[in-house]
Full PDB file with SEQRES, HELIX, SHEET, SSBOND, CRYST1, ORIGX, SCALE, CONECT and MASTER records, all heavy atoms in Angstrom:
SEQRES   1 A   38  ILE GLY ILE PRO LEU LYS SER ASN ALA LEU ASP GLY VAL          
SEQRES   2 A   38  ASP ALA LEU LEU SER THR VAL GLN MET PRO SER GLY ILE          
SEQRES   3 A   38  PRO VAL ALA ALA VAL ALA ILE ASP GLY ALA VAL ASN              
HELIX    1 AA1 LEU A   10  GLY A   12  5                                   3    
HELIX    2 AA2 VAL A   13  VAL A   20  1                                   8    
CRYST1    1.000    1.000    1.000  90.00  90.00  90.00 P 1           1          
ORIGX1      1.000000  0.000000  0.000000        0.00000                         
ORIGX2      0.000000  1.000000  0.000000        0.00000                         
ORIGX3      0.000000  0.000000  1.000000        0.00000                         
SCALE1      1.000000  0.000000  0.000000        0.00000                         
SCALE2      0.000000  1.000000  0.000000        0.00000                         
SCALE3      0.000000  0.000000  1.000000        0.00000                         
ATOM      1  N   ILE A   1      91.176  46.414 116.328  1.00  0.00           N  
ATOM      2  CA  ILE A   1      91.131  45.190 115.533  1.00  0.00           C  
ATOM      3  C   ILE A   1      92.542  44.624 115.494  1.00  0.00           C  
ATOM      4  O   ILE A   1      93.467  45.275 114.995  1.00  0.00           O  
ATOM      5  CB  ILE A   1      90.649  45.477 114.096  1.00  0.00           C  
ATOM      6  CG1 ILE A   1      89.275  46.169 114.127  1.00  0.00           C  
ATOM      7  CG2 ILE A   1      90.620  44.196 113.267  1.00  0.00           C  
ATOM      8  CD1 ILE A   1      88.897  46.852 112.811  1.00  0.00           C  
ATOM      9  N   GLY A   2      92.718  43.425 116.013  1.00  0.00           N  
ATOM     10  CA  GLY A   2      94.038  42.810 116.062  1.00  0.00           C  
ATOM     11  C   GLY A   2      94.281  41.905 114.870  1.00  0.00           C  
ATOM     12  O   GLY A   2      93.418  41.135 114.473  1.00  0.00           O  
ATOM     13  N   ILE A   3      95.474  42.035 114.304  1.00  0.00           N  
ATOM     14  CA  ILE A   3      95.943  41.108 113.271  1.00  0.00           C  
ATOM     15  C   ILE A   3      97.070  40.290 113.877  1.00  0.00           C  
ATOM     16  O   ILE A   3      98.179  40.778 114.046  1.00  0.00           O  
ATOM     17  CB  ILE A   3      96.493  41.832 112.030  1.00  0.00           C  
ATOM     18  CG1 ILE A   3      95.514  42.836 111.452  1.00  0.00           C  
ATOM     19  CG2 ILE A   3      96.920  40.803 110.967  1.00  0.00           C  
ATOM     20  CD1 ILE A   3      96.122  43.723 110.352  1.00  0.00           C  
ATOM     21  N   PRO A   4      96.800  39.045 114.233  1.00  0.00           N  
ATOM     22  CA  PRO A   4      97.890  38.195 114.705  1.00  0.00           C  
ATOM     23  C   PRO A   4      98.762  37.801 113.515  1.00  0.00           C  
ATOM     24  O   PRO A   4      98.246  37.457 112.443  1.00  0.00           O  
ATOM     25  CB  PRO A   4      97.170  36.980 115.301  1.00  0.00           C  
ATOM     26  CG  PRO A   4      95.797  36.992 114.710  1.00  0.00           C  
ATOM     27  CD  PRO A   4      95.499  38.387 114.272  1.00  0.00           C  
ATOM     28  N   LEU A   5     100.069  37.912 113.673  1.00  0.00           N  
ATOM     29  CA  LEU A   5     100.971  37.656 112.564  1.00  0.00           C  
ATOM     30  C   LEU A   5     101.650  36.305 112.693  1.00  0.00           C  
ATOM     31  O   LEU A   5     102.032  35.881 113.785  1.00  0.00           O  
ATOM     32  CB  LEU A   5     102.024  38.758 112.481  1.00  0.00           C  
ATOM     33  CG  LEU A   5     101.473  40.165 112.252  1.00  0.00           C  
ATOM     34  CD1 LEU A   5     102.600  41.197 112.281  1.00  0.00           C  
ATOM     35  CD2 LEU A   5     100.702  40.236 110.949  1.00  0.00           C  
ATOM     36  N   LYS A   6     101.813  35.666 111.563  1.00  0.00           N  
ATOM     37  CA  LYS A   6     102.478  34.365 111.518  1.00  0.00           C  
ATOM     38  C   LYS A   6     103.961  34.564 111.797  1.00  0.00           C  
ATOM     39  O   LYS A   6     104.580  35.512 111.328  1.00  0.00           O  
ATOM     40  CB  LYS A   6     102.276  33.717 110.155  1.00  0.00           C  
ATOM     41  CG  LYS A   6     102.814  32.320 110.064  1.00  0.00           C  
ATOM     42  CD  LYS A   6     102.467  31.681 108.738  1.00  0.00           C  
ATOM     43  CE  LYS A   6     102.962  30.243 108.731  1.00  0.00           C  
ATOM     44  NZ  LYS A   6     102.555  29.552 107.505  1.00  0.00           N  
ATOM     45  N   SER A   7     104.507  33.656 112.567  1.00  0.00           N  
ATOM     46  CA  SER A   7     105.942  33.669 112.829  1.00  0.00           C  
ATOM     47  C   SER A   7     106.454  32.238 112.699  1.00  0.00           C  
ATOM     48  O   SER A   7     105.682  31.305 112.531  1.00  0.00           O  
ATOM     49  CB  SER A   7     106.231  34.213 114.219  1.00  0.00           C  
ATOM     50  OG  SER A   7     105.681  33.347 115.190  1.00  0.00           O  
ATOM     51  N   ASN A   8     107.759  32.094 112.785  1.00  0.00           N  
ATOM     52  CA  ASN A   8     108.325  30.753 112.704  1.00  0.00           C  
ATOM     53  C   ASN A   8     107.930  29.901 113.896  1.00  0.00           C  
ATOM     54  O   ASN A   8     107.771  28.689 113.781  1.00  0.00           O  
ATOM     55  CB  ASN A   8     109.849  30.838 112.592  1.00  0.00           C  
ATOM     56  CG  ASN A   8     110.281  31.434 111.276  1.00  0.00           C  
ATOM     57  OD1 ASN A   8     109.560  31.342 110.278  1.00  0.00           O  
ATOM     58  ND2 ASN A   8     111.451  32.053 111.256  1.00  0.00           N  
ATOM     59  N   ALA A   9     107.753  30.553 115.030  1.00  0.00           N  
ATOM     60  CA  ALA A   9     107.358  29.825 116.230  1.00  0.00           C  
ATOM     61  C   ALA A   9     105.842  29.656 116.243  1.00  0.00           C  
ATOM     62  O   ALA A   9     105.100  30.624 116.221  1.00  0.00           O  
ATOM     63  CB  ALA A   9     107.803  30.591 117.469  1.00  0.00           C  
ATOM     64  N   LEU A  10     105.369  28.461 116.227  1.00  0.00           N  
ATOM     65  CA  LEU A  10     103.959  28.115 116.386  1.00  0.00           C  
ATOM     66  C   LEU A  10     103.058  28.632 115.263  1.00  0.00           C  
ATOM     67  O   LEU A  10     101.842  28.696 115.412  1.00  0.00           O  
ATOM     68  CB  LEU A  10     103.445  28.593 117.746  1.00  0.00           C  
ATOM     69  CG  LEU A  10     104.206  28.071 118.955  1.00  0.00           C  
ATOM     70  CD1 LEU A  10     103.678  28.707 120.240  1.00  0.00           C  
ATOM     71  CD2 LEU A  10     104.130  26.563 119.041  1.00  0.00           C  
ATOM     72  N   ASP A  11     103.616  29.022 114.146  1.00  0.00           N  
ATOM     73  CA  ASP A  11     102.873  29.454 112.955  1.00  0.00           C  
ATOM     74  C   ASP A  11     101.838  30.542 113.224  1.00  0.00           C  
ATOM     75  O   ASP A  11     100.848  30.659 112.521  1.00  0.00           O  
ATOM     76  CB  ASP A  11     102.161  28.259 112.290  1.00  0.00           C  
ATOM     77  CG  ASP A  11     103.136  27.373 111.541  1.00  0.00           C  
ATOM     78  OD1 ASP A  11     104.160  27.890 111.043  1.00  0.00           O  
ATOM     79  OD2 ASP A  11     102.868  26.169 111.437  1.00  0.00           O  
ATOM     80  N   GLY A  12     102.036  31.340 114.247  1.00  0.00           N  
ATOM     81  CA  GLY A  12     101.128  32.438 114.543  1.00  0.00           C  
ATOM     82  C   GLY A  12     100.003  32.085 115.494  1.00  0.00           C  
ATOM     83  O   GLY A  12      99.212  32.966 115.862  1.00  0.00           O  
ATOM     84  N   VAL A  13      99.895  30.820 115.884  1.00  0.00           N  
ATOM     85  CA  VAL A  13      98.834  30.437 116.815  1.00  0.00           C  
ATOM     86  C   VAL A  13      99.029  31.155 118.158  1.00  0.00           C  
ATOM     87  O   VAL A  13      98.062  31.573 118.797  1.00  0.00           O  
ATOM     88  CB  VAL A  13      98.768  28.909 117.006  1.00  0.00           C  
ATOM     89  CG1 VAL A  13      97.785  28.519 118.088  1.00  0.00           C  
ATOM     90  CG2 VAL A  13      98.392  28.244 115.684  1.00  0.00           C  
ATOM     91  N   ASP A  14     100.277  31.337 118.557  1.00  0.00           N  
ATOM     92  CA  ASP A  14     100.554  32.079 119.797  1.00  0.00           C  
ATOM     93  C   ASP A  14     100.042  33.511 119.690  1.00  0.00           C  
ATOM     94  O   ASP A  14      99.412  34.028 120.615  1.00  0.00           O  
ATOM     95  CB  ASP A  14     102.057  32.062 120.106  1.00  0.00           C  
ATOM     96  CG  ASP A  14     102.918  32.558 118.954  1.00  0.00           C  
ATOM     97  OD1 ASP A  14     102.497  32.487 117.778  1.00  0.00           O  
ATOM     98  OD2 ASP A  14     104.050  33.021 119.224  1.00  0.00           O  
ATOM     99  N   ALA A  15     100.260  34.150 118.539  1.00  0.00           N  
ATOM    100  CA  ALA A  15      99.789  35.518 118.334  1.00  0.00           C  
ATOM    101  C   ALA A  15      98.273  35.571 118.311  1.00  0.00           C  
ATOM    102  O   ALA A  15      97.648  36.480 118.859  1.00  0.00           O  
ATOM    103  CB  ALA A  15     100.368  36.096 117.045  1.00  0.00           C  
ATOM    104  N   LEU A  16      97.655  34.580 117.671  1.00  0.00           N  
ATOM    105  CA  LEU A  16      96.193  34.520 117.623  1.00  0.00           C  
ATOM    106  C   LEU A  16      95.613  34.424 119.029  1.00  0.00           C  
ATOM    107  O   LEU A  16      94.706  35.175 119.397  1.00  0.00           O  
ATOM    108  CB  LEU A  16      95.743  33.337 116.777  1.00  0.00           C  
ATOM    109  CG  LEU A  16      94.239  33.089 116.750  1.00  0.00           C  
ATOM    110  CD1 LEU A  16      93.513  34.244 116.081  1.00  0.00           C  
ATOM    111  CD2 LEU A  16      93.940  31.770 116.022  1.00  0.00           C  
ATOM    112  N   LEU A  17      96.132  33.513 119.820  1.00  0.00           N  
ATOM    113  CA  LEU A  17      95.606  33.343 121.185  1.00  0.00           C  
ATOM    114  C   LEU A  17      95.852  34.594 122.038  1.00  0.00           C  
ATOM    115  O   LEU A  17      94.975  34.991 122.813  1.00  0.00           O  
ATOM    116  CB  LEU A  17      96.221  32.103 121.838  1.00  0.00           C  
ATOM    117  CG  LEU A  17      95.811  30.772 121.204  1.00  0.00           C  
ATOM    118  CD1 LEU A  17      96.571  29.619 121.822  1.00  0.00           C  
ATOM    119  CD2 LEU A  17      94.311  30.552 121.300  1.00  0.00           C  
ATOM    120  N   SER A  18      97.004  35.212 121.899  1.00  0.00           N  
ATOM    121  CA  SER A  18      97.283  36.430 122.659  1.00  0.00           C  
ATOM    122  C   SER A  18      96.348  37.566 122.252  1.00  0.00           C  
ATOM    123  O   SER A  18      96.000  38.407 123.075  1.00  0.00           O  
ATOM    124  CB  SER A  18      98.733  36.873 122.440  1.00  0.00           C  
ATOM    125  OG  SER A  18      99.617  35.952 123.010  1.00  0.00           O  
ATOM    126  N   THR A  19      95.945  37.584 120.998  1.00  0.00           N  
ATOM    127  CA  THR A  19      95.071  38.649 120.507  1.00  0.00           C  
ATOM    128  C   THR A  19      93.633  38.438 120.965  1.00  0.00           C  
ATOM    129  O   THR A  19      92.965  39.384 121.370  1.00  0.00           O  
ATOM    130  CB  THR A  19      95.142  38.732 118.970  1.00  0.00           C  
ATOM    131  OG1 THR A  19      96.497  38.962 118.575  1.00  0.00           O  
ATOM    132  CG2 THR A  19      94.276  39.867 118.437  1.00  0.00           C  
ATOM    133  N   VAL A  20      93.149  37.211 120.920  1.00  0.00           N  
ATOM    134  CA  VAL A  20      91.731  36.975 121.238  1.00  0.00           C  
ATOM    135  C   VAL A  20      91.449  36.790 122.720  1.00  0.00           C  
ATOM    136  O   VAL A  20      90.329  37.018 123.171  1.00  0.00           O  
ATOM    137  CB  VAL A  20      91.134  35.791 120.443  1.00  0.00           C  
ATOM    138  CG1 VAL A  20      91.241  36.023 118.967  1.00  0.00           C  
ATOM    139  CG2 VAL A  20      91.764  34.470 120.844  1.00  0.00           C  
ATOM    140  N   GLN A  21      92.436  36.396 123.501  1.00  0.00           N  
ATOM    141  CA  GLN A  21      92.195  36.099 124.923  1.00  0.00           C  
ATOM    142  C   GLN A  21      92.372  37.349 125.779  1.00  0.00           C  
ATOM    143  O   GLN A  21      93.259  37.445 126.597  1.00  0.00           O  
ATOM    144  CB  GLN A  21      93.133  34.984 125.399  1.00  0.00           C  
ATOM    145  CG  GLN A  21      92.858  33.663 124.755  1.00  0.00           C  
ATOM    146  CD  GLN A  21      91.516  33.073 125.161  1.00  0.00           C  
ATOM    147  OE1 GLN A  21      90.777  33.612 125.964  1.00  0.00           O  
ATOM    148  NE2 GLN A  21      91.180  31.944 124.593  1.00  0.00           N  
ATOM    149  N   MET A  22      91.466  38.300 125.597  1.00  0.00           N  
ATOM    150  CA  MET A  22      91.522  39.548 126.345  1.00  0.00           C  
ATOM    151  C   MET A  22      90.640  39.445 127.591  1.00  0.00           C  
ATOM    152  O   MET A  22      89.632  38.752 127.581  1.00  0.00           O  
ATOM    153  CB  MET A  22      91.038  40.701 125.470  1.00  0.00           C  
ATOM    154  CG  MET A  22      91.979  41.019 124.312  1.00  0.00           C  
ATOM    155  SD  MET A  22      93.613  41.513 124.881  1.00  0.00           S  
ATOM    156  CE  MET A  22      93.196  42.964 125.823  1.00  0.00           C  
ATOM    157  N   PRO A  23      91.019  40.159 128.633  1.00  0.00           N  
ATOM    158  CA  PRO A  23      90.189  40.121 129.838  1.00  0.00           C  
ATOM    159  C   PRO A  23      88.870  40.854 129.617  1.00  0.00           C  
ATOM    160  O   PRO A  23      88.782  41.766 128.798  1.00  0.00           O  
ATOM    161  CB  PRO A  23      91.052  40.850 130.887  1.00  0.00           C  
ATOM    162  CG  PRO A  23      91.954  41.719 130.096  1.00  0.00           C  
ATOM    163  CD  PRO A  23      92.198  41.000 128.795  1.00  0.00           C  
ATOM    164  N   SER A  24      87.864  40.464 130.350  1.00  0.00           N  
ATOM    165  CA  SER A  24      86.563  41.087 130.268  1.00  0.00           C  
ATOM    166  C   SER A  24      86.698  42.595 130.496  1.00  0.00           C  
ATOM    167  O   SER A  24      87.389  43.028 131.409  1.00  0.00           O  
ATOM    168  CB  SER A  24      85.640  40.473 131.313  1.00  0.00           C  
ATOM    169  OG  SER A  24      84.362  41.038 131.224  1.00  0.00           O  
ATOM    170  N   GLY A  25      86.053  43.354 129.624  1.00  0.00           N  
ATOM    171  CA  GLY A  25      86.091  44.804 129.749  1.00  0.00           C  
ATOM    172  C   GLY A  25      87.060  45.489 128.815  1.00  0.00           C  
ATOM    173  O   GLY A  25      86.991  46.697 128.642  1.00  0.00           O  
ATOM    174  N   ILE A  26      87.970  44.742 128.219  1.00  0.00           N  
ATOM    175  CA  ILE A  26      88.943  45.308 127.269  1.00  0.00           C  
ATOM    176  C   ILE A  26      88.873  44.468 125.984  1.00  0.00           C  
ATOM    177  O   ILE A  26      89.725  43.639 125.715  1.00  0.00           O  
ATOM    178  CB  ILE A  26      90.389  45.291 127.823  1.00  0.00           C  
ATOM    179  CG1 ILE A  26      90.462  45.891 129.216  1.00  0.00           C  
ATOM    180  CG2 ILE A  26      91.341  46.026 126.856  1.00  0.00           C  
ATOM    181  CD1 ILE A  26      90.157  47.387 129.280  1.00  0.00           C  
ATOM    182  N   PRO A  27      87.820  44.688 125.178  1.00  0.00           N  
ATOM    183  CA  PRO A  27      87.666  43.851 123.985  1.00  0.00           C  
ATOM    184  C   PRO A  27      88.641  44.222 122.870  1.00  0.00           C  
ATOM    185  O   PRO A  27      89.024  45.385 122.718  1.00  0.00           O  
ATOM    186  CB  PRO A  27      86.225  44.135 123.539  1.00  0.00           C  
ATOM    187  CG  PRO A  27      85.962  45.517 124.041  1.00  0.00           C  
ATOM    188  CD  PRO A  27      86.717  45.636 125.331  1.00  0.00           C  
ATOM    189  N   VAL A  28      89.023  43.220 122.120  1.00  0.00           N  
ATOM    190  CA  VAL A  28      89.797  43.380 120.880  1.00  0.00           C  
ATOM    191  C   VAL A  28      89.151  42.464 119.851  1.00  0.00           C  
ATOM    192  O   VAL A  28      88.968  41.272 120.111  1.00  0.00           O  
ATOM    193  CB  VAL A  28      91.280  42.990 121.068  1.00  0.00           C  
ATOM    194  CG1 VAL A  28      92.003  42.921 119.735  1.00  0.00           C  
ATOM    195  CG2 VAL A  28      91.988  43.980 121.986  1.00  0.00           C  
ATOM    196  N   ALA A  29      88.767  43.020 118.716  1.00  0.00           N  
ATOM    197  CA  ALA A  29      88.301  42.189 117.624  1.00  0.00           C  
ATOM    198  C   ALA A  29      89.534  41.553 116.990  1.00  0.00           C  
ATOM    199  O   ALA A  29      90.603  42.168 116.956  1.00  0.00           O  
ATOM    200  CB  ALA A  29      87.555  43.030 116.580  1.00  0.00           C  
ATOM    201  N   ALA A  30      89.414  40.346 116.508  1.00  0.00           N  
ATOM    202  CA  ALA A  30      90.562  39.670 115.907  1.00  0.00           C  
ATOM    203  C   ALA A  30      90.170  39.070 114.568  1.00  0.00           C  
ATOM    204  O   ALA A  30      89.054  38.565 114.416  1.00  0.00           O  
ATOM    205  CB  ALA A  30      91.099  38.582 116.828  1.00  0.00           C  
ATOM    206  N   VAL A  31      91.093  39.154 113.632  1.00  0.00           N  
ATOM    207  CA  VAL A  31      90.912  38.523 112.334  1.00  0.00           C  
ATOM    208  C   VAL A  31      91.870  37.341 112.254  1.00  0.00           C  
ATOM    209  O   VAL A  31      92.621  37.068 113.188  1.00  0.00           O  
ATOM    210  CB  VAL A  31      91.143  39.540 111.190  1.00  0.00           C  
ATOM    211  CG1 VAL A  31      90.078  40.636 111.219  1.00  0.00           C  
ATOM    212  CG2 VAL A  31      92.539  40.130 111.245  1.00  0.00           C  
ATOM    213  N   ALA A  32      91.869  36.658 111.137  1.00  0.00           N  
ATOM    214  CA  ALA A  32      92.722  35.492 110.950  1.00  0.00           C  
ATOM    215  C   ALA A  32      94.200  35.864 111.020  1.00  0.00           C  
ATOM    216  O   ALA A  32      94.577  37.023 110.860  1.00  0.00           O  
ATOM    217  CB  ALA A  32      92.429  34.846 109.607  1.00  0.00           C  
ATOM    218  N   ILE A  33      95.027  34.889 111.231  1.00  0.00           N  
ATOM    219  CA  ILE A  33      96.469  35.090 111.184  1.00  0.00           C  
ATOM    220  C   ILE A  33      96.829  35.684 109.830  1.00  0.00           C  
ATOM    221  O   ILE A  33      96.410  35.147 108.789  1.00  0.00           O  
ATOM    222  CB  ILE A  33      97.211  33.764 111.429  1.00  0.00           C  
ATOM    223  CG1 ILE A  33      96.910  33.244 112.840  1.00  0.00           C  
ATOM    224  CG2 ILE A  33      98.724  33.927 111.211  1.00  0.00           C  
ATOM    225  CD1 ILE A  33      97.345  31.824 113.104  1.00  0.00           C  
ATOM    226  N   ASP A  34      97.539  36.801 109.841  1.00  0.00           N  
ATOM    227  CA  ASP A  34      97.924  37.558 108.641  1.00  0.00           C  
ATOM    228  C   ASP A  34      96.706  38.109 107.894  1.00  0.00           C  
ATOM    229  O   ASP A  34      96.798  38.432 106.711  1.00  0.00           O  
ATOM    230  CB  ASP A  34      98.801  36.737 107.695  1.00  0.00           C  
ATOM    231  CG  ASP A  34     100.202  36.500 108.226  1.00  0.00           C  
ATOM    232  OD1 ASP A  34     100.585  37.125 109.247  1.00  0.00           O  
ATOM    233  OD2 ASP A  34     100.926  35.691 107.625  1.00  0.00           O  
ATOM    234  N   GLY A  35      95.573  38.265 108.557  1.00  0.00           N  
ATOM    235  CA  GLY A  35      94.326  38.701 107.921  1.00  0.00           C  
ATOM    236  C   GLY A  35      94.180  40.200 107.778  1.00  0.00           C  
ATOM    237  O   GLY A  35      93.156  40.763 108.177  1.00  0.00           O  
ATOM    238  N   ALA A  36      95.166  40.845 107.209  1.00  0.00           N  
ATOM    239  CA  ALA A  36      95.173  42.304 107.120  1.00  0.00           C  
ATOM    240  C   ALA A  36      94.045  42.859 106.272  1.00  0.00           C  
ATOM    241  O   ALA A  36      93.477  43.914 106.599  1.00  0.00           O  
ATOM    242  CB  ALA A  36      96.516  42.787 106.576  1.00  0.00           C  
ATOM    243  N   VAL A  37      93.699  42.190 105.196  1.00  0.00           N  
ATOM    244  CA  VAL A  37      92.607  42.691 104.337  1.00  0.00           C  
ATOM    245  C   VAL A  37      91.300  42.692 105.123  1.00  0.00           C  
ATOM    246  O   VAL A  37      90.554  43.681 105.103  1.00  0.00           O  
ATOM    247  CB  VAL A  37      92.501  41.870 103.036  1.00  0.00           C  
ATOM    248  CG1 VAL A  37      91.249  42.250 102.256  1.00  0.00           C  
ATOM    249  CG2 VAL A  37      93.747  42.075 102.179  1.00  0.00           C  
ATOM    250  N   ASN A  38      91.020  41.614 105.827  1.00  0.00           N  
ATOM    251  CA  ASN A  38      89.786  41.576 106.624  1.00  0.00           C  
ATOM    252  C   ASN A  38      89.802  42.599 107.755  1.00  0.00           C  
ATOM    253  O   ASN A  38      88.748  43.154 108.099  1.00  0.00           O  
ATOM    254  CB  ASN A  38      89.522  40.176 107.179  1.00  0.00           C  
ATOM    255  CG  ASN A  38      88.708  39.327 106.221  1.00  0.00           C  
ATOM    256  OD1 ASN A  38      88.241  39.810 105.194  1.00  0.00           O  
ATOM    257  ND2 ASN A  38      88.540  38.077 106.557  1.00  0.00           N  
TER     258      ASN A  38                                                      
MASTER        0    0    0    2    0    0    0    6  257    1    0    3          
END                                                                             
């Protein structure tokens, strides 16, 4: 389960896209930016 973290650069959208855009066969579940509780 990936938690993309907010940063000063791009407000975490870069981390979100890097977390969810996995190649077929290597899944990663992703929650919201800074979504540690979820």
